[in-house]
Amino acid sequence: MNPFARVGLFVRQTADETRKAAAPSGRALARWSEAGGLLVLTLMAAVTVLDLAFGRGTLAVFG
């Protein structure tokens, strides 16, 4: 099968499966968005803490 035909088939099948999926309610969408934002903020805080810790450790070792 032609590679372009395979890509077209994939796109058609993906579109068909997406139409079958149920869309979330407004409240559920808001809750998921809130949870995603909280996850991003948590990860940002963790990376900041690790960056500061490694920075101070590097200064302590190499001074």
PDB file of N, CA and C in Angstrom:
ATOM      1  N   MET A   1       0.845  -1.184   0.000  1.00  0.00           N
ATOM      2  CA  MET A   1       0.000   0.000   0.000  1.00  0.00           C
ATOM      3  C   MET A   1       0.886   1.241   0.000  1.00  0.00           C
ATOM      4  N   ASN A   2       0.488   2.214  -0.747  1.00  0.00           N
ATOM      5  CA  ASN A   2       1.193   3.482  -0.867  1.00  0.00           C
ATOM      6  C   ASN A   2       1.292   4.170   0.506  1.00  0.00           C
ATOM      7  N   PRO A   3       2.465   4.723   0.875  1.00  0.00           N
ATOM      8  CA  PRO A   3       2.590   5.398   2.184  1.00  0.00           C
ATOM      9  C   PRO A   3       1.610   6.558   2.346  1.00  0.00           C
ATOM     10  N   PHE A   4       1.330   7.284   1.265  1.00  0.00           N
ATOM     11  CA  PHE A   4       0.379   8.394   1.362  1.00  0.00           C
ATOM     12  C   PHE A   4      -1.032   7.880   1.603  1.00  0.00           C
ATOM     13  N   ALA A   5      -1.355   6.738   0.998  1.00  0.00           N
ATOM     14  CA  ALA A   5      -2.671   6.134   1.218  1.00  0.00           C
ATOM     15  C   ALA A   5      -2.800   5.670   2.665  1.00  0.00           C
ATOM     16  N   ARG A   6      -1.697   5.162   3.231  1.00  0.00           N
ATOM     17  CA  ARG A   6      -1.722   4.728   4.636  1.00  0.00           C
ATOM     18  C   ARG A   6      -1.965   5.913   5.565  1.00  0.00           C
ATOM     19  N   VAL A   7      -1.322   7.028   5.266  1.00  0.00           N
ATOM     20  CA  VAL A   7      -1.522   8.228   6.093  1.00  0.00           C
ATOM     21  C   VAL A   7      -2.967   8.691   5.978  1.00  0.00           C
ATOM     22  N   GLY A   8      -3.507   8.677   4.755  1.00  0.00           N
ATOM     23  CA  GLY A   8      -4.902   9.073   4.565  1.00  0.00           C
ATOM     24  C   GLY A   8      -5.850   8.170   5.324  1.00  0.00           C
ATOM     25  N   LEU A   9      -5.585   6.856   5.271  1.00  0.00           N
ATOM     26  CA  LEU A   9      -6.414   5.897   6.005  1.00  0.00           C
ATOM     27  C   LEU A   9      -6.339   6.166   7.504  1.00  0.00           C
ATOM     28  N   PHE A  10      -5.124   6.427   8.005  1.00  0.00           N
ATOM     29  CA  PHE A  10      -4.947   6.723   9.420  1.00  0.00           C
ATOM     30  C   PHE A  10      -5.748   7.958   9.825  1.00  0.00           C
ATOM     31  N   VAL A  11      -5.677   9.011   9.016  1.00  0.00           N
ATOM     32  CA  VAL A  11      -6.393  10.249   9.323  1.00  0.00           C
ATOM     33  C   VAL A  11      -7.900   9.999   9.327  1.00  0.00           C
ATOM     34  N   ARG A  12      -8.399   9.264   8.334  1.00  0.00           N
ATOM     35  CA  ARG A  12      -9.844   8.968   8.288  1.00  0.00           C
ATOM     36  C   ARG A  12     -10.277   8.161   9.503  1.00  0.00           C
ATOM     37  N   GLN A  13      -9.498   7.129   9.862  1.00  0.00           N
ATOM     38  CA  GLN A  13      -9.856   6.300  11.024  1.00  0.00           C
ATOM     39  C   GLN A  13      -9.800   7.115  12.322  1.00  0.00           C
ATOM     40  N   THR A  14      -8.811   7.982  12.431  1.00  0.00           N
ATOM     41  CA  THR A  14      -8.704   8.814  13.631  1.00  0.00           C
ATOM     42  C   THR A  14      -9.893   9.760  13.741  1.00  0.00           C
ATOM     43  N   ALA A  15     -10.280  10.361  12.629  1.00  0.00           N
ATOM     44  CA  ALA A  15     -11.431  11.264  12.637  1.00  0.00           C
ATOM     45  C   ALA A  15     -12.705  10.511  13.014  1.00  0.00           C
ATOM     46  N   ASP A  16     -12.883   9.301  12.483  1.00  0.00           N
ATOM     47  CA  ASP A  16     -14.066   8.502  12.822  1.00  0.00           C
ATOM     48  C   ASP A  16     -14.107   8.166  14.307  1.00  0.00           C
ATOM     49  N   GLU A  17     -12.969   7.773  14.870  1.00  0.00           N
ATOM     50  CA  GLU A  17     -12.933   7.424  16.290  1.00  0.00           C
ATOM     51  C   GLU A  17     -13.145   8.659  17.168  1.00  0.00           C
ATOM     52  N   THR A  18     -12.652   9.809  16.729  1.00  0.00           N
ATOM     53  CA  THR A  18     -12.831  11.043  17.494  1.00  0.00           C
ATOM     54  C   THR A  18     -14.302  11.435  17.545  1.00  0.00           C
ATOM     55  N   ARG A  19     -15.021  11.213  16.454  1.00  0.00           N
ATOM     56  CA  ARG A  19     -16.457  11.534  16.449  1.00  0.00           C
ATOM     57  C   ARG A  19     -17.234  10.670  17.445  1.00  0.00           C
ATOM     58  N   LYS A  20     -16.751   9.446  17.701  1.00  0.00           N
ATOM     59  CA  LYS A  20     -17.439   8.544  18.635  1.00  0.00           C
ATOM     60  C   LYS A  20     -17.260   8.960  20.092  1.00  0.00           C
ATOM     61  N   ALA A  21     -16.193   9.686  20.388  1.00  0.00           N
ATOM     62  CA  ALA A  21     -15.883  10.041  21.773  1.00  0.00           C
ATOM     63  C   ALA A  21     -16.896  11.052  22.295  1.00  0.00           C
ATOM     64  N   ALA A  22     -17.246  10.906  23.556  1.00  0.00           N
ATOM     65  CA  ALA A  22     -18.186  11.835  24.190  1.00  0.00           C
ATOM     66  C   ALA A  22     -17.439  13.081  24.634  1.00  0.00           C
ATOM     67  N   ALA A  23     -17.989  14.239  24.349  1.00  0.00           N
ATOM     68  CA  ALA A  23     -17.383  15.491  24.771  1.00  0.00           C
ATOM     69  C   ALA A  23     -17.679  15.713  26.255  1.00  0.00           C
ATOM     70  N   PRO A  24     -16.717  16.229  27.019  1.00  0.00           N
ATOM     71  CA  PRO A  24     -16.962  16.456  28.444  1.00  0.00           C
ATOM     72  C   PRO A  24     -17.924  17.623  28.658  1.00  0.00           C
ATOM     73  N   SER A  25     -18.603  17.597  29.788  1.00  0.00           N
ATOM     74  CA  SER A  25     -19.481  18.716  30.132  1.00  0.00           C
ATOM     75  C   SER A  25     -18.612  19.923  30.487  1.00  0.00           C
ATOM     76  N   GLY A  26     -19.230  21.059  30.568  1.00  0.00           N
ATOM     77  CA  GLY A  26     -18.495  22.275  30.903  1.00  0.00           C
ATOM     78  C   GLY A  26     -17.829  22.183  32.262  1.00  0.00           C
ATOM     79  N   ARG A  27     -18.532  21.598  33.223  1.00  0.00           N
ATOM     80  CA  ARG A  27     -17.980  21.470  34.570  1.00  0.00           C
ATOM     81  C   ARG A  27     -16.791  20.515  34.583  1.00  0.00           C
ATOM     82  N   ALA A  28     -16.927  19.385  33.871  1.00  0.00           N
ATOM     83  CA  ALA A  28     -15.830  18.424  33.819  1.00  0.00           C
ATOM     84  C   ALA A  28     -14.617  19.026  33.113  1.00  0.00           C
ATOM     85  N   LEU A  29     -14.856  19.770  32.050  1.00  0.00           N
ATOM     86  CA  LEU A  29     -13.762  20.412  31.331  1.00  0.00           C
ATOM     87  C   LEU A  29     -13.044  21.416  32.224  1.00  0.00           C
ATOM     88  N   ALA A  30     -13.808  22.166  33.016  1.00  0.00           N
ATOM     89  CA  ALA A  30     -13.213  23.135  33.931  1.00  0.00           C
ATOM     90  C   ALA A  30     -12.374  22.430  34.992  1.00  0.00           C
ATOM     91  N   ARG A  31     -12.873  21.316  35.518  1.00  0.00           N
ATOM     92  CA  ARG A  31     -12.137  20.575  36.542  1.00  0.00           C
ATOM     93  C   ARG A  31     -10.843  19.997  35.983  1.00  0.00           C
ATOM     94  N   TRP A  32     -10.898  19.437  34.775  1.00  0.00           N
ATOM     95  CA  TRP A  32      -9.692  18.875  34.149  1.00  0.00           C
ATOM     96  C   TRP A  32      -8.687  19.979  33.848  1.00  0.00           C
ATOM     97  N   SER A  33      -9.172  21.138  33.419  1.00  0.00           N
ATOM     98  CA  SER A  33      -8.267  22.263  33.156  1.00  0.00           C
ATOM     99  C   SER A  33      -7.610  22.728  34.445  1.00  0.00           C
ATOM    100  N   GLU A  34      -8.386  22.772  35.503  1.00  0.00           N
ATOM    101  CA  GLU A  34      -7.865  23.155  36.814  1.00  0.00           C
ATOM    102  C   GLU A  34      -6.804  22.160  37.284  1.00  0.00           C
ATOM    103  N   ALA A  35      -7.078  20.885  37.121  1.00  0.00           N
ATOM    104  CA  ALA A  35      -6.122  19.851  37.526  1.00  0.00           C
ATOM    105  C   ALA A  35      -4.843  19.938  36.685  1.00  0.00           C
ATOM    106  N   GLY A  36      -4.982  20.186  35.396  1.00  0.00           N
ATOM    107  CA  GLY A  36      -3.814  20.326  34.536  1.00  0.00           C
ATOM    108  C   GLY A  36      -2.967  21.527  34.923  1.00  0.00           C
ATOM    109  N   GLY A  37      -3.618  22.641  35.221  1.00  0.00           N
ATOM    110  CA  GLY A  37      -2.893  23.829  35.656  1.00  0.00           C
ATOM    111  C   GLY A  37      -2.163  23.593  36.965  1.00  0.00           C
ATOM    112  N   LEU A  38      -2.816  22.908  37.894  1.00  0.00           N
ATOM    113  CA  LEU A  38      -2.186  22.594  39.175  1.00  0.00           C
ATOM    114  C   LEU A  38      -0.975  21.688  38.971  1.00  0.00           C
ATOM    115  N   LEU A  39      -1.090  20.732  38.072  1.00  0.00           N
ATOM    116  CA  LEU A  39       0.038  19.847  37.775  1.00  0.00           C
ATOM    117  C   LEU A  39       1.216  20.651  37.215  1.00  0.00           C
ATOM    118  N   VAL A  40       0.943  21.549  36.301  1.00  0.00           N
ATOM    119  CA  VAL A  40       2.008  22.366  35.706  1.00  0.00           C
ATOM    120  C   VAL A  40       2.673  23.220  36.783  1.00  0.00           C
ATOM    121  N   LEU A  41       1.892  23.844  37.648  1.00  0.00           N
ATOM    122  CA  LEU A  41       2.469  24.667  38.715  1.00  0.00           C
ATOM    123  C   LEU A  41       3.307  23.833  39.681  1.00  0.00           C
ATOM    124  N   THR A  42       2.850  22.627  39.997  1.00  0.00           N
ATOM    125  CA  THR A  42       3.592  21.735  40.885  1.00  0.00           C
ATOM    126  C   THR A  42       4.930  21.345  40.260  1.00  0.00           C
ATOM    127  N   LEU A  43       4.907  21.004  38.986  1.00  0.00           N
ATOM    128  CA  LEU A  43       6.149  20.635  38.310  1.00  0.00           C
ATOM    129  C   LEU A  43       7.105  21.822  38.212  1.00  0.00           C
ATOM    130  N   MET A  44       6.569  23.003  37.970  1.00  0.00           N
ATOM    131  CA  MET A  44       7.412  24.201  37.917  1.00  0.00           C
ATOM    132  C   MET A  44       8.078  24.446  39.272  1.00  0.00           C
ATOM    133  N   ALA A  45       7.333  24.269  40.342  1.00  0.00           N
ATOM    134  CA  ALA A  45       7.890  24.466  41.681  1.00  0.00           C
ATOM    135  C   ALA A  45       8.975  23.428  41.970  1.00  0.00           C
ATOM    136  N   ALA A  46       8.732  22.186  41.586  1.00  0.00           N
ATOM    137  CA  ALA A  46       9.718  21.132  41.822  1.00  0.00           C
ATOM    138  C   ALA A  46      11.004  21.402  41.049  1.00  0.00           C
ATOM    139  N   VAL A  47      10.890  21.822  39.801  1.00  0.00           N
ATOM    140  CA  VAL A  47      12.075  22.123  38.999  1.00  0.00           C
ATOM    141  C   VAL A  47      12.821  23.317  39.580  1.00  0.00           C
ATOM    142  N   THR A  48      12.093  24.312  40.062  1.00  0.00           N
ATOM    143  CA  THR A  48      12.734  25.481  40.668  1.00  0.00           C
ATOM    144  C   THR A  48      13.518  25.086  41.906  1.00  0.00           C
ATOM    145  N   VAL A  49      12.929  24.272  42.759  1.00  0.00           N
ATOM    146  CA  VAL A  49      13.605  23.834  43.984  1.00  0.00           C
ATOM    147  C   VAL A  49      14.854  23.025  43.636  1.00  0.00           C
ATOM    148  N   LEU A  50      14.739  22.107  42.680  1.00  0.00           N
ATOM    149  CA  LEU A  50      15.903  21.319  42.286  1.00  0.00           C
ATOM    150  C   LEU A  50      16.990  22.199  41.672  1.00  0.00           C
ATOM    151  N   ASP A  51      16.611  23.171  40.872  1.00  0.00           N
ATOM    152  CA  ASP A  51      17.583  24.072  40.255  1.00  0.00           C
ATOM    153  C   ASP A  51      18.337  24.855  41.323  1.00  0.00           C
ATOM    154  N   LEU A  52      17.614  25.378  42.294  1.00  0.00           N
ATOM    155  CA  LEU A  52      18.272  26.117  43.370  1.00  0.00           C
ATOM    156  C   LEU A  52      19.184  25.206  44.191  1.00  0.00           C
ATOM    157  N   ALA A  53      18.729  23.988  44.485  1.00  0.00           N
ATOM    158  CA  ALA A  53      19.525  23.054  45.273  1.00  0.00           C
ATOM    159  C   ALA A  53      20.816  22.679  44.537  1.00  0.00           C
ATOM    160  N   PHE A  54      20.706  22.352  43.257  1.00  0.00           N
ATOM    161  CA  PHE A  54      21.906  21.988  42.513  1.00  0.00           C
ATOM    162  C   PHE A  54      22.840  23.190  42.320  1.00  0.00           C
ATOM    163  N   GLY A  55      22.254  24.368  42.167  1.00  0.00           N
ATOM    164  CA  GLY A  55      23.068  25.569  42.057  1.00  0.00           C
ATOM    165  C   GLY A  55      23.876  25.829  43.317  1.00  0.00           C
ATOM    166  N   ARG A  56      23.227  25.711  44.456  1.00  0.00           N
ATOM    167  CA  ARG A  56      23.931  25.928  45.725  1.00  0.00           C
ATOM    168  C   ARG A  56      24.953  24.835  45.969  1.00  0.00           C
ATOM    169  N   GLY A  57      24.603  23.596  45.597  1.00  0.00           N
ATOM    170  CA  GLY A  57      25.558  22.504  45.744  1.00  0.00           C
ATOM    171  C   GLY A  57      26.796  22.698  44.884  1.00  0.00           C
ATOM    172  N   THR A  58      26.582  23.172  43.678  1.00  0.00           N
ATOM    173  CA  THR A  58      27.708  23.441  42.777  1.00  0.00           C
ATOM    174  C   THR A  58      28.593  24.547  43.330  1.00  0.00           C
ATOM    175  N   LEU A  59      27.980  25.596  43.863  1.00  0.00           N
ATOM    176  CA  LEU A  59      28.760  26.679  44.464  1.00  0.00           C
ATOM    177  C   LEU A  59      29.536  26.197  45.687  1.00  0.00           C
ATOM    178  N   ALA A  60      28.921  25.301  46.464  1.00  0.00           N
ATOM    179  CA  ALA A  60      29.610  24.785  47.656  1.00  0.00           C
ATOM    180  C   ALA A  60      30.810  23.929  47.262  1.00  0.00           C
ATOM    181  N   VAL A  61      30.674  23.160  46.196  1.00  0.00           N
ATOM    182  CA  VAL A  61      31.774  22.266  45.796  1.00  0.00           C
ATOM    183  C   VAL A  61      32.855  23.035  45.047  1.00  0.00           C
ATOM    184  N   PHE A  62      32.464  23.873  44.094  1.00  0.00           N
ATOM    185  CA  PHE A  62      33.434  24.541  43.238  1.00  0.00           C
ATOM    186  C   PHE A  62      33.712  25.991  43.618  1.00  0.00           C
ATOM    187  N   GLY A  63      32.939  26.491  44.590  1.00  0.00           N
ATOM    188  CA  GLY A  63      33.053  27.765  45.200  1.00  0.00           C
ATOM    189  C   GLY A  63      33.449  28.946  44.503  1.00  0.00           C
TER     190      GLY A  63
END
